[in-house]
Protein backbone atom coordinates (compact mmCIF):
# COMPACT_ATOMS: atom_id res chain seq x y z
CA MET A 1 11.38 56.75 -10.93
CA LYS A 2 14.14 56.40 -14.01
CA LEU A 3 16.61 53.56 -13.28
CA ARG A 4 19.96 54.90 -12.51
CA LEU A 5 23.22 52.69 -12.27
CA ASP A 6 25.62 55.75 -11.33
CA ASN A 7 25.78 54.22 -7.74
CA ILE A 8 26.63 50.51 -8.91
CA ARG A 9 30.59 49.79 -8.69
CA LEU A 10 31.91 48.88 -11.99
CA ARG A 11 32.28 45.25 -11.32
CA ASN A 12 28.85 45.02 -10.36
CA LYS A 13 27.85 46.55 -13.53
CA MET A 14 29.83 44.14 -15.68
CA LEU A 15 27.58 41.29 -13.49
CA ILE A 16 24.40 42.51 -14.11
CA VAL A 17 25.23 42.63 -18.06
CA TYR A 18 26.97 38.74 -17.62
CA LEU A 19 23.70 37.91 -15.81
CA LEU A 20 21.03 39.46 -18.16
CA SER A 21 23.07 39.31 -21.44
CA VAL A 22 24.94 35.75 -21.00
CA PHE A 23 23.94 33.57 -18.44
CA THR A 24 19.92 34.55 -18.44
CA PRO A 25 19.43 33.51 -21.75
CA ILE A 26 21.23 30.57 -22.27
CA PHE A 27 19.87 29.48 -19.02
CA LEU A 28 16.58 29.68 -20.54
CA THR A 29 17.39 28.62 -23.73
CA ASN A 30 18.63 25.16 -22.71
CA LEU A 31 15.74 25.27 -20.14
CA ILE A 32 13.45 25.21 -23.23
CA PHE A 33 15.02 23.43 -25.29
CA TYR A 34 15.59 20.31 -22.51
CA THR A 35 11.74 20.65 -21.60
CA VAL A 36 10.33 20.51 -24.73
CA THR A 37 13.33 17.57 -25.87
CA SER A 38 11.96 15.76 -22.80
CA ASP A 39 8.66 15.72 -23.67
CA ASN A 40 8.93 14.45 -27.00
CA VAL A 41 11.18 11.63 -25.89
CA LYS A 42 8.66 10.70 -22.63
CA ASN A 43 5.87 10.91 -25.56
CA GLN A 44 8.01 8.88 -28.11
CA ARG A 45 8.57 6.22 -25.15
CA MET A 46 4.95 6.30 -24.26
CA LYS A 47 4.06 5.26 -27.63
CA ASP A 48 6.71 2.63 -28.41
CA ILE A 49 5.46 0.75 -24.83
CA SER A 50 1.47 1.13 -26.38
CA ARG A 51 2.33 -0.41 -29.65
CA ALA A 52 4.62 -3.02 -27.77
CA VAL A 53 1.16 -3.62 -25.63
CA GLU A 54 -0.41 -3.63 -28.82
CA GLN A 55 1.85 -6.20 -30.61
CA ILE A 56 0.78 -8.13 -27.29
CA ARG A 57 -2.54 -7.91 -27.65
CA SER A 58 -2.46 -8.68 -31.69
CA GLU A 59 -0.29 -11.94 -31.30
CA PHE A 60 -2.17 -13.07 -27.91
CA ARG A 61 -5.50 -12.88 -29.73
CA SER A 62 -4.35 -14.35 -33.13
CA GLU A 63 -3.63 -17.45 -31.39
CA ILE A 64 -7.12 -17.65 -29.68
CA GLU A 65 -8.69 -16.80 -33.28
CA ASP A 66 -6.84 -20.06 -34.23
CA ALA A 67 -8.08 -22.04 -31.63
CA VAL A 68 -11.60 -20.68 -31.84
CA GLY A 69 -11.58 -21.20 -35.18
CA ILE A 70 -10.69 -24.89 -35.09
CA SER A 71 -13.01 -25.19 -32.13
CA SER A 72 -15.65 -23.84 -34.83
CA VAL A 73 -14.67 -26.70 -37.20
CA PHE A 74 -15.42 -29.11 -34.79
CA TYR A 75 -18.44 -27.35 -33.29
CA THR A 76 -19.67 -27.67 -36.82
CA ASP A 77 -18.95 -30.88 -38.38
CA HIS A 78 -21.54 -33.19 -39.07
CA LEU A 79 -19.61 -36.33 -39.79
CA LEU A 80 -18.03 -35.73 -36.49
CA ASN A 81 -20.71 -35.40 -34.37
CA GLU A 82 -22.32 -39.12 -36.25
CA THR A 83 -19.48 -40.56 -35.58
CA LEU A 84 -19.22 -39.25 -31.59
CA GLU A 85 -23.30 -40.19 -31.81
CA HIS A 86 -22.93 -43.84 -32.95
CA SER A 87 -23.06 -46.21 -30.65
CA TYR A 88 -20.54 -49.26 -31.27
CA GLU A 89 -21.33 -52.97 -31.18
CA GLN A 90 -17.66 -53.95 -31.46
CA PRO A 91 -14.51 -51.87 -30.18
CA ALA A 92 -13.49 -52.83 -33.63
CA GLU A 93 -16.11 -50.82 -35.34
CA TYR A 94 -15.18 -47.87 -33.05
CA VAL A 95 -11.36 -48.61 -33.96
CA GLU A 96 -12.08 -48.50 -37.77
CA ALA A 97 -14.22 -45.05 -37.51
CA TYR A 98 -11.24 -43.38 -35.14
CA ASP A 99 -8.44 -44.37 -38.09
CA SER A 100 -10.72 -43.40 -40.62
CA TYR A 101 -11.85 -40.03 -39.54
CA LEU A 102 -11.33 -38.99 -36.18
CA ARG A 103 -7.55 -39.58 -36.17
CA ARG A 104 -6.97 -37.41 -39.24
CA MET A 105 -9.20 -34.87 -37.93
CA LEU A 106 -7.43 -34.63 -34.61
CA ASN A 107 -3.91 -34.36 -36.12
CA SER A 108 -4.67 -32.56 -38.94
CA TYR A 109 -3.92 -28.96 -37.01
CA GLY A 110 -0.80 -29.41 -34.99
CA PRO A 111 1.38 -28.80 -37.91
CA VAL A 112 -0.60 -25.71 -39.05
CA TYR A 113 -0.82 -24.22 -36.00
CA HIS A 114 1.99 -24.09 -34.17
CA SER A 115 0.64 -22.56 -30.68
CA VAL A 116 -2.06 -25.77 -30.58
CA ASN A 117 -0.36 -27.92 -27.92
CA SER A 118 -3.47 -30.61 -27.50
CA ILE A 119 -7.21 -31.11 -29.13
CA THR A 120 -9.15 -33.58 -26.60
CA ILE A 121 -12.79 -34.25 -27.12
CA TYR A 122 -14.33 -35.61 -23.98
CA VAL A 123 -17.67 -37.63 -24.58
CA ASP A 124 -20.17 -39.87 -22.13
CA ASN A 125 -20.84 -42.01 -24.74
CA PRO A 126 -19.70 -45.76 -23.11
CA THR A 127 -19.16 -47.57 -26.28
CA ILE A 128 -16.22 -45.41 -27.38
CA LEU A 129 -12.77 -46.27 -26.06
CA PRO A 130 -10.16 -43.51 -24.70
CA SER A 131 -7.83 -43.12 -27.61
CA GLY A 132 -5.08 -40.24 -28.80
CA GLY A 133 -7.53 -37.17 -28.33
CA ILE A 134 -10.69 -38.67 -27.43
CA GLU A 135 -11.63 -39.38 -23.80
CA ARG A 136 -14.26 -40.76 -21.69
CA LEU A 137 -16.28 -38.11 -19.61
CA THR A 138 -15.78 -39.31 -16.19
CA ASN A 139 -16.16 -38.19 -12.76
CA TYR A 140 -12.81 -37.07 -12.41
CA VAL A 141 -13.62 -34.62 -15.02
CA SER A 142 -16.31 -33.08 -14.17
CA GLU A 143 -14.86 -32.54 -11.24
CA GLN A 144 -12.43 -29.94 -12.94
CA GLU A 145 -12.75 -26.54 -12.74
CA TRP A 146 -12.98 -25.49 -16.44
CA TYR A 147 -15.79 -28.34 -16.78
CA ASN A 148 -17.88 -26.52 -14.42
CA ALA A 149 -16.94 -23.07 -16.13
CA ILE A 150 -18.30 -24.67 -19.49
CA MET A 151 -21.41 -26.17 -18.06
CA ASN A 152 -22.49 -22.96 -16.47
CA ASN A 153 -22.11 -21.03 -20.02
CA LYS A 154 -25.15 -20.35 -20.95
CA ILE A 155 -24.56 -19.35 -24.42
CA SER A 156 -22.75 -22.22 -26.73
CA ARG A 157 -19.65 -20.24 -27.20
CA PRO A 158 -15.73 -20.80 -26.25
CA VAL A 159 -14.63 -20.24 -22.74
CA ILE A 160 -11.18 -19.51 -21.98
CA LEU A 161 -9.59 -20.33 -18.80
CA ARG A 162 -6.45 -21.44 -17.36
CA THR A 163 -6.39 -25.08 -16.91
CA GLY A 164 -3.71 -27.67 -15.80
CA THR A 165 -2.84 -30.51 -13.69
CA GLY A 166 -2.67 -31.05 -9.85
CA ASP A 167 -2.30 -27.09 -8.14
CA SER A 168 -0.01 -25.57 -11.06
CA LYS A 169 -2.13 -24.03 -13.51
CA ASP A 170 -0.06 -23.13 -16.27
CA THR A 171 -2.02 -23.97 -19.67
CA ILE A 172 -4.59 -21.21 -21.11
CA SER A 173 -7.22 -23.76 -23.02
CA ILE A 174 -10.35 -23.10 -25.27
CA VAL A 175 -13.22 -24.89 -23.97
CA ARG A 176 -16.54 -25.69 -25.74
CA LYS A 177 -19.85 -27.91 -25.95
CA LEU A 178 -19.75 -29.44 -28.91
CA ASP A 179 -23.68 -29.08 -29.50
CA TYR A 180 -24.44 -27.40 -32.47
CA TYR A 181 -26.48 -30.49 -33.85
CA VAL A 182 -28.54 -30.41 -30.43
CA ALA A 183 -31.59 -32.30 -31.70
CA GLN A 184 -29.38 -35.61 -32.93
CA ASN A 185 -27.69 -35.95 -30.17
CA GLN A 186 -28.12 -38.00 -26.94
CA TYR A 187 -24.87 -37.78 -25.69
CA GLN A 188 -22.70 -34.81 -23.98
CA LYS A 189 -19.66 -34.01 -25.78
CA LEU A 190 -17.00 -30.92 -24.77
CA LEU A 191 -14.10 -29.74 -26.95
CA LYS A 192 -10.57 -28.50 -24.99
CA ILE A 193 -7.92 -27.19 -26.92
CA ASP A 194 -4.43 -26.42 -25.07
CA LEU A 195 -2.31 -23.90 -25.91
CA LYS A 196 1.54 -24.28 -25.69
CA ASN A 197 3.07 -23.34 -23.01
CA ASP A 198 6.03 -21.50 -25.34
CA ALA A 199 4.45 -19.79 -27.58
CA ILE A 200 2.65 -17.78 -25.07
CA VAL A 201 5.57 -16.95 -22.95
CA GLN A 202 7.45 -15.79 -26.44
CA ILE A 203 4.16 -13.73 -27.08
CA PHE A 204 4.08 -12.27 -23.46
CA GLY A 205 8.06 -11.91 -23.63
CA ASN A 206 8.88 -9.33 -26.11
CA LEU A 207 8.05 -6.33 -23.98
CA ASN A 208 11.63 -4.83 -24.33
CA LEU A 209 11.23 -2.46 -21.38
CA GLN A 210 11.85 -3.24 -17.66
CA GLY A 211 8.48 -3.59 -16.89
CA SER A 212 6.21 -6.25 -15.99
CA ILE A 213 3.20 -7.28 -17.86
CA TYR A 214 -0.65 -9.07 -17.31
CA LEU A 215 -3.05 -10.99 -18.50
CA ILE A 216 -6.18 -10.21 -16.77
CA ASP A 217 -9.49 -11.90 -17.29
CA ASP A 218 -12.95 -10.48 -17.43
CA LYS A 219 -13.35 -11.21 -13.65
CA GLY A 220 -9.75 -9.44 -12.63
CA TYR A 221 -8.13 -12.13 -12.16
CA VAL A 222 -4.27 -12.83 -13.15
CA ASN A 223 -4.12 -15.63 -16.28
CA TYR A 224 -0.38 -15.00 -16.75
CA THR A 225 2.32 -12.19 -16.04
CA THR A 226 5.89 -11.97 -15.95
CA ASP A 227 5.92 -10.48 -12.35
CA ALA A 228 8.21 -12.77 -10.10
CA ARG A 229 6.87 -11.62 -7.19
CA ILE A 230 2.91 -13.22 -8.47
CA ASP A 231 2.10 -16.96 -7.78
CA TRP A 232 -0.33 -17.06 -10.67
CA LEU A 233 0.22 -20.63 -11.17
CA ARG A 234 -1.43 -22.41 -7.74
CA GLU A 235 -3.59 -19.41 -6.62
CA LYS A 236 -5.99 -17.05 -8.15
CA VAL A 237 -4.41 -13.27 -7.89
CA SER A 238 -6.80 -10.25 -8.41
CA PHE A 239 -4.70 -7.61 -10.18
CA ASP A 240 -6.44 -4.78 -8.14
CA SER A 241 -4.50 -6.46 -5.10
CA ILE A 242 -1.20 -6.40 -6.51
CA SER A 243 0.92 -3.30 -5.05
CA GLN A 244 2.92 -1.17 -7.22
CA PRO A 245 5.52 1.11 -6.80
CA VAL A 246 4.31 4.65 -6.17
CA ARG A 247 6.16 6.01 -9.17
CA THR A 248 4.67 3.52 -12.03
CA ILE A 249 3.33 4.06 -15.55
CA GLN A 250 0.23 1.61 -16.27
CA VAL A 251 -0.20 0.85 -19.88
CA GLU A 252 -3.45 -1.06 -21.01
CA SER A 253 -5.38 -2.14 -23.89
CA ASP A 254 -8.61 -4.48 -23.82
CA TYR A 255 -10.61 -6.98 -25.85
CA GLU A 256 -14.03 -5.07 -26.18
CA SER A 257 -14.73 -5.67 -29.67
CA TYR A 258 -14.22 -9.77 -29.64
CA ASN A 259 -17.22 -11.24 -27.60
CA TYR A 260 -14.97 -14.44 -26.54
CA LEU A 261 -12.69 -12.01 -25.27
CA SER A 262 -14.80 -9.33 -23.61
CA GLY A 263 -13.57 -8.42 -20.39
CA TRP A 264 -10.21 -9.30 -21.17
CA ARG A 265 -7.60 -6.96 -21.15
CA ILE A 266 -3.45 -6.55 -21.19
CA VAL A 267 -1.87 -4.36 -18.95
CA ALA A 268 1.73 -3.22 -18.41
CA THR A 269 3.18 -1.56 -15.40
CA ILE A 270 6.77 0.25 -15.90
CA GLU A 271 8.69 2.45 -13.31
CA GLU A 272 8.99 6.11 -14.36
CA SER A 273 12.54 6.06 -14.37
CA GLU A 274 12.54 3.37 -16.98
CA VAL A 275 10.35 5.74 -18.99
CA ILE A 276 13.20 8.74 -18.68
CA GLN A 277 15.76 6.72 -18.53
CA THR A 278 16.57 8.06 -22.21
CA VAL A 279 15.19 11.54 -21.02
CA LYS A 280 18.54 11.22 -18.63
CA LYS A 281 20.31 10.99 -21.32
CA SER A 282 18.95 14.24 -22.97
CA ARG A 283 19.72 16.21 -19.87
CA THR A 284 23.04 14.87 -19.47
CA PHE A 285 23.36 16.38 -22.75
CA VAL A 286 21.70 19.44 -22.65
CA VAL A 287 23.85 20.21 -19.42
CA LEU A 288 27.09 19.47 -20.97
CA LEU A 289 26.25 22.09 -23.75
CA ALA A 290 25.22 25.05 -21.43
CA ALA A 291 27.69 24.14 -19.25
CA LEU A 292 30.40 25.10 -21.75
CA ASN A 293 28.34 27.54 -23.28
CA LEU A 294 28.94 29.59 -19.74
CA LEU A 295 32.27 28.64 -19.48
CA PHE A 296 32.95 30.43 -22.81
CA ALA A 297 31.02 33.19 -21.97
CA THR A 298 32.39 33.17 -18.49
CA ILE A 299 36.06 33.16 -19.84
CA VAL A 300 35.43 36.02 -22.07
CA ILE A 301 33.68 38.15 -19.40
CA VAL A 302 36.11 37.77 -16.98
CA TRP A 303 38.90 38.88 -19.13
CA ILE A 304 37.45 41.64 -20.30
CA THR A 305 36.13 42.85 -17.03
CA ARG A 306 39.60 42.17 -15.56
CA SER A 307 41.43 44.66 -17.98
CA LEU A 308 38.86 47.40 -16.64
CA VAL A 309 38.43 46.66 -13.15
CA VAL A 310 42.10 46.10 -12.24
CA ARG A 311 43.45 48.51 -13.58
CA LEU A 312 40.76 50.93 -12.37
CA GLY A 313 41.19 49.95 -9.31
CA PHE A 314 45.44 51.00 -9.30
CA ILE A 315 43.81 54.20 -10.30
CA LEU A 316 41.61 54.50 -7.58
CA ARG A 317 44.06 52.86 -4.80
CA TYR A 318 46.53 55.71 -5.97
CA MET A 319 43.97 58.76 -6.09
CA LYS A 320 43.33 57.65 -2.09
CA ARG A 321 46.91 57.82 -1.50
CA VAL A 322 47.00 61.28 -2.70
CA LYS A 323 44.38 62.15 -0.34
CA ASN A 324 46.96 61.02 2.53
CA GLN A 325 49.55 63.15 0.95
CA GLN A 326 51.18 60.39 -0.98
CA PHE A 327 52.10 61.20 -4.39
CA ASP A 328 52.96 57.91 -5.90
CA LEU A 329 53.26 57.50 -9.52
CA ILE A 330 51.10 54.55 -11.00
CA GLN A 331 53.86 52.40 -12.67
CA HIS A 332 51.95 50.70 -15.76
CA GLU A 333 52.46 49.67 -19.35
CA MET A 334 51.64 51.69 -21.93
CA ALA A 335 48.14 51.52 -22.99
CA ASN A 336 46.03 53.31 -25.81
CA ASP A 337 42.58 52.86 -24.61
CA GLU A 338 40.49 55.38 -22.16
CA ILE A 339 42.44 54.05 -19.00
CA GLY A 340 45.52 53.72 -20.26
CA GLN A 341 45.09 57.92 -20.96
CA LEU A 342 43.45 58.30 -17.60
CA THR A 343 46.10 56.58 -16.18
CA SER A 344 48.89 58.67 -17.94
CA GLU A 345 46.82 62.20 -16.92
CA PHE A 346 46.90 61.10 -13.57
CA ASN A 347 50.42 60.78 -13.59
CA ARG A 348 50.91 64.04 -14.81
CA MET A 349 48.45 65.47 -12.25
CA THR A 350 49.92 63.64 -9.40
CA THR A 351 53.13 65.60 -10.10
CA GLN A 352 51.83 68.78 -10.64
CA ILE A 353 49.96 68.61 -7.34
CA GLU A 354 52.92 67.62 -5.67
CA ARG A 355 54.96 70.31 -7.10
CA LEU A 356 52.40 72.96 -6.10
CA ILE A 357 51.75 71.93 -2.70
CA ASN A 358 55.56 71.73 -1.72
CA ASP A 359 56.07 75.80 -3.24
CA VAL A 360 53.24 77.40 -1.90
CA TYR A 361 50.93 75.68 0.60
CA VAL A 362 53.09 73.57 2.98
CA ALA A 363 54.28 76.38 5.55
CA ASP A 364 50.42 77.54 6.01
CA ILE A 365 49.29 73.79 6.51
CA GLN A 366 51.74 73.88 9.11
CA LYS A 367 50.50 76.90 10.48
CA LYS A 368 46.68 76.12 10.34
CA ASP A 369 47.77 72.86 12.18
CA LEU A 370 49.08 74.22 14.80
CA GLU A 371 46.53 76.75 15.62
CA LEU A 372 43.51 73.76 15.08
CA GLN A 373 45.63 71.77 17.91
CA ASN A 374 45.24 74.99 19.85
CA ARG A 375 41.79 74.99 19.48
CA HIS A 376 41.56 71.60 20.65
CA VAL A 377 43.63 71.72 24.04
CA GLN A 378 41.09 74.58 24.62
CA LEU A 379 37.91 72.87 24.08
CA ASN A 380 39.46 69.43 26.28
CA ALA A 381 40.25 72.01 28.65
CA LEU A 382 35.95 73.29 28.87
CA GLN A 383 35.01 69.99 28.58
CA SER A 384 36.80 68.85 31.58
CA GLN A 385 35.24 71.47 33.66
CA ILE A 386 31.93 69.94 33.18
CA ASN A 387 32.00 67.33 36.22
CA PRO A 388 29.53 64.54 35.76
CA HIS A 389 27.69 65.77 39.50
CA PHE A 390 25.94 68.62 37.23
CA LEU A 391 24.24 65.76 35.31
CA PHE A 392 23.19 64.40 38.15
CA ASN A 393 22.20 67.51 39.82
CA THR A 394 19.98 68.27 37.03
CA LEU A 395 18.33 65.56 37.05
CA GLU A 396 17.85 65.56 40.87
CA THR A 397 16.06 69.35 39.87
CA ILE A 398 13.89 67.69 37.44
CA ARG A 399 12.80 65.00 39.55
CA MET A 400 12.17 67.46 42.35
CA ARG A 401 10.43 69.67 40.49
CA SER A 402 8.50 66.58 38.91
CA LEU A 403 7.57 65.79 42.46
CA ILE A 404 5.98 69.70 43.06
CA LYS A 405 4.10 69.60 39.77
CA ARG A 406 2.63 65.98 41.19
CA GLU A 407 4.52 64.00 38.51
CA ASP A 408 4.99 61.13 39.99
CA GLU A 409 5.84 58.60 37.41
CA THR A 410 8.12 61.19 35.65
CA ALA A 411 9.86 61.78 39.00
CA ARG A 412 10.13 57.78 39.38
CA ILE A 413 11.28 57.64 36.16
CA ILE A 414 14.00 60.13 36.19
CA HIS A 415 14.93 58.95 39.44
CA ASN A 416 15.89 55.42 38.02
CA MET A 417 17.85 56.98 35.11
CA ALA A 418 20.10 59.14 37.30
CA LYS A 419 20.44 55.95 39.68
CA ILE A 420 21.42 53.85 36.91
CA PHE A 421 23.91 56.64 35.27
CA ARG A 422 25.72 56.94 38.75
CA ASN A 423 25.97 53.29 38.98
CA SER A 424 27.55 52.92 35.15
CA LEU A 425 30.04 55.73 36.49
CA THR A 426 30.98 54.55 39.48
CA TRP A 427 33.33 51.59 39.96
CA THR A 428 34.97 52.18 43.56
CA LYS A 429 33.58 48.60 44.26
CA ASP A 430 33.34 45.52 41.68
CA MET A 431 31.39 42.77 43.64
CA VAL A 432 27.77 43.42 44.55
CA ASN A 433 25.38 41.73 46.03
CA VAL A 434 22.15 39.94 43.81
CA GLN A 435 19.39 42.14 46.14
CA GLU A 436 21.69 45.62 44.92
CA GLU A 437 21.90 44.13 41.02
CA LEU A 438 17.89 43.70 41.58
CA GLY A 439 17.57 46.94 42.03
CA PHE A 440 19.58 48.12 38.77
CA ILE A 441 17.32 45.69 36.90
CA ASN A 442 14.21 47.07 38.20
CA CYS A 443 15.33 50.97 37.55
CA PHE A 444 15.88 49.70 33.83
CA LEU A 445 12.61 47.76 33.57
CA GLU A 446 10.63 50.50 34.96
CA ILE A 447 12.18 53.13 32.30
CA GLN A 448 10.99 50.27 29.86
CA LYS A 449 7.73 49.55 31.23
CA TYR A 450 7.15 53.79 31.23
CA ARG A 451 8.33 53.55 27.29
CA PHE A 452 6.30 50.54 26.14
CA GLY A 453 3.52 50.92 28.24
CA ASP A 454 1.41 47.33 28.26
CA ARG A 455 3.69 46.32 25.31
CA LEU A 456 5.80 45.11 28.11
CA THR A 457 5.44 42.91 31.01
CA TYR A 458 8.13 41.50 33.09
CA HIS A 459 8.28 39.16 36.18
CA ILE A 460 11.31 38.70 38.63
CA ASP A 461 11.25 35.68 40.74
CA ILE A 462 14.04 35.19 43.26
CA ASP A 463 15.14 32.54 45.70
CA GLU A 464 15.07 34.34 49.14
CA ARG A 465 18.65 32.22 49.70
CA ALA A 466 20.25 34.01 46.40
CA TYR A 467 19.74 37.79 47.82
CA GLU A 468 23.27 38.21 49.39
CA CYS A 469 25.20 36.21 47.17
CA MET A 470 28.16 38.24 45.28
CA VAL A 471 28.15 38.57 42.02
CA PRO A 472 30.30 41.01 39.78
CA LYS A 473 28.96 44.51 39.14
CA MET A 474 26.29 44.91 35.74
CA THR A 475 26.14 40.97 35.50
CA PHE A 476 22.51 40.44 34.88
CA LEU A 477 21.68 43.87 33.91
CA PRO A 478 23.07 43.52 29.97
CA PHE A 479 20.96 40.54 29.23
CA VAL A 480 18.06 42.12 30.37
CA GLU A 481 18.57 45.14 28.36
CA ASN A 482 19.11 42.60 25.45
CA ALA A 483 15.90 40.95 25.91
CA SER A 484 13.98 44.26 26.27
CA ILE A 485 15.57 45.97 23.18
CA HIS A 486 16.66 43.64 20.81
CA GLY A 487 14.12 41.00 21.92
CA ILE A 488 10.63 43.16 23.15
CA GLU A 489 11.00 45.96 21.03
CA PRO A 490 10.65 44.57 17.52
CA LEU A 491 7.70 42.85 18.67
CA LYS A 492 4.23 45.11 17.16
CA HIS A 493 2.40 44.01 20.50
CA GLY A 494 5.02 43.56 23.13
CA GLY A 495 6.15 40.57 25.12
CA THR A 496 6.86 39.38 28.28
CA ILE A 497 10.19 39.10 29.92
CA ASN A 498 10.80 36.55 32.70
CA MET A 499 13.48 36.43 35.03
CA THR A 500 14.62 33.61 37.84
CA ILE A 501 17.29 33.54 40.40
CA LYS A 502 18.11 30.60 42.33
CA VAL A 503 20.67 28.79 44.21
CA GLU A 504 21.15 24.96 43.65
CA ASP A 505 24.23 22.74 44.89
CA GLN A 506 26.60 25.53 45.74
CA GLU A 507 25.92 27.42 42.83
CA LEU A 508 24.15 30.82 41.91
CA VAL A 509 21.26 30.08 38.50
CA CYS A 510 20.10 32.87 36.92
CA GLU A 511 17.48 32.50 33.99
CA ILE A 512 16.05 35.08 31.31
CA VAL A 513 13.65 34.09 29.20
CA ASP A 514 11.82 36.16 26.81
CA ASN A 515 9.10 35.57 23.94
CA GLY A 516 10.64 38.10 21.57
CA VAL A 517 11.76 37.54 17.82
CA GLY A 518 14.73 35.54 18.81
CA MET A 519 18.06 35.13 17.29
CA SER A 520 19.48 33.70 14.64
CA GLU A 521 22.03 30.76 14.20
CA ASP A 522 24.74 33.01 13.47
CA LYS A 523 24.21 35.33 16.19
CA VAL A 524 23.66 32.53 18.91
CA ALA A 525 27.16 30.55 17.80
CA LYS A 526 28.75 34.41 17.62
CA LEU A 527 27.70 34.52 21.43
CA TYR A 528 29.20 31.24 22.13
CA ARG A 529 32.55 31.89 20.48
CA TYR A 530 32.99 34.63 23.45
CA LEU A 531 33.23 31.53 25.57
CA ASP A 532 36.76 30.75 23.61
CA SER A 533 37.43 33.97 22.90
CA ASP A 534 40.72 35.79 24.40
CA GLU A 535 40.01 39.51 23.51
CA GLU A 536 40.47 42.34 25.68
CA MET A 537 37.50 44.02 27.28
CA GLY A 538 36.28 46.88 25.22
CA ASP A 539 35.09 50.20 26.49
CA ARG A 540 31.39 49.66 26.63
CA ILE A 541 29.46 47.19 29.44
CA GLY A 542 27.91 44.57 26.79
CA ILE A 543 27.31 41.01 26.66
CA GLN A 544 30.83 40.12 25.21
CA ASN A 545 32.30 42.07 28.25
CA VAL A 546 30.14 40.65 30.77
CA ILE A 547 31.44 36.96 29.86
CA TYR A 548 34.74 38.36 29.78
CA ARG A 549 34.93 39.12 33.11
CA LEU A 550 32.98 36.35 34.35
CA LYS A 551 35.49 34.21 32.91
CA LEU A 552 38.05 36.34 34.63
CA TYR A 553 36.29 36.01 37.75
CA TYR A 554 35.31 31.91 38.11
CA GLY A 555 37.49 30.37 35.05
CA THR A 556 35.65 26.64 34.45
CA GLY A 557 32.94 27.10 37.36
CA PHE A 558 31.50 29.80 35.33
CA ARG A 559 28.41 28.09 32.47
CA PHE A 560 26.78 29.78 29.88
CA GLN A 561 23.80 28.35 27.87
CA ILE A 562 21.53 29.74 25.21
CA ASP A 563 18.14 28.83 23.68
CA SER A 564 16.97 31.07 20.98
CA GLY A 565 15.82 30.79 17.44
CA GLU A 566 14.12 33.26 15.10
CA GLY A 567 10.47 34.06 15.69
CA ARG A 568 10.45 31.84 19.33
CA GLY A 569 12.11 33.92 21.86
CA THR A 570 15.40 33.61 24.01
CA ALA A 571 16.16 31.73 26.88
CA ILE A 572 19.37 32.60 28.71
CA ARG A 573 21.34 30.35 31.60
CA ILE A 574 24.06 31.75 33.70
CA VAL A 575 25.32 29.85 36.25
CA THR A 576 28.23 30.89 38.54
CA PRO A 577 29.79 29.51 42.03
CA ILE A 578 28.11 31.04 45.16
CA ASP A 579 31.54 32.72 46.98
CA GLU A 580 32.18 31.03 50.34
CA HIS A 581 32.82 34.05 51.87
CA THR A 582 29.81 35.71 51.53
CA SER A 583 27.36 36.06 54.57
CA LEU A 584 24.48 33.58 52.99
CA ALA A 585 24.73 30.23 54.25
CA VAL A 586 23.68 27.98 51.76
CA GLY A 587 21.53 24.61 53.05
């Protein structure tokens, strides 16, 4: 099928041109540019974070390697082993040995390795005096956690753990057995190297982003973190037990290639918003650029479109005036484009047509108009001779013929239709009782049941006290009709209408509920607006006129409620005062 644009208005055509040739290309181009830029910025940011984590991992490993290197020197030092294994008869003899070798060895690494805070050797040799860097291996020491950790280590290699005094374990230490010369050893000797806390804080404080960094040991416990929520100095905290925000990015680097740090890892957690912070700056730039491009293109399109549409609109407006015999000329500035030429030709043509009509056809048109009016009068006279009783008699004849042919259902439907038709034309009394109103409703529902068959079911429940209550004629029927035609008829499988009329506290309450297609919020709001509207009643008996009549009869005593939604049916509730002069004795 060939696509045709002839039936589309010029303004809409220009809008299509704008959407397809300007807006869509600019939008898609900027969207692709933003997507590619965002991915590149995000990937670069993730690389920067990974490099920062790798830098922390490398610097921490370097500090540990320095301490492990020192421990290896102590571990393999034969003279140190002999000095610690020697039994001193006099304290002066040990002091001499300490001054000649141990002091120099213990103090020689501090100036070289700035991250080393202290080096301590624990030995159970009773002839050695506690001095700078040399301590007795007492029961207090053997009760420390780090002592048990090194003693449970089957392999003679450094053990890295957190130590400290009291409840606060704020120091990372390297502990090692000095058992290299095991054949010559008669005493137990342990080496403990404490790292400076400031050096560790400086290493883990280099992560230039809004996030947290965790040092996790081989058992999954946090040994250091910048997360202020974690009290890692006084208790063991498992990393898996730490709750993280929903949109959190986790970057991890491990130490699998280093035996003494096997199982240890560095983990950084960063909120996704921090990672895409730079992306937001790019988004702002892209949106601003797209807005400027669209604004410039829109101004140009509107400027050109206005030049076309406005002037063509003038021509069209004056052409409609010509149709109504108003031969006004278009007052316009001279223009050399096609629309300017069209305007000039229209003025010339209008002048010629007006002159021709005035000279030749005015008299003839007046004559034809008089003949048409005479024929219209004759037609109205013929139509007035058709009395409504003719239609009633015709329907009654068809009903009688249906009864003769035993088409009882057809006869009943025709009877109901005639009854409703006669009632709609007869307005000798405006008030009827509920029983009469129900008669019209039953006639209508039987007709609808005849149309739809099993697709429509209905149930009417009436309080016996309500039968003699007086209501304005045709009060409930329009709502039942609306439920049937607009609520149930569109449903493929039909539906149900339930109607209840009862007396409550000197008020007549009517509820009409259907399970039809329901109404939108706009339609419900429109019905409620009828309650506040003061418009005059129209020609038809519809819902608007019913509400208008009930307001005239009852004023503020009339209440109207509606509960409806698309796809869930409609419930109508009408409440009116009971006329005190009715024959019903309520209560």
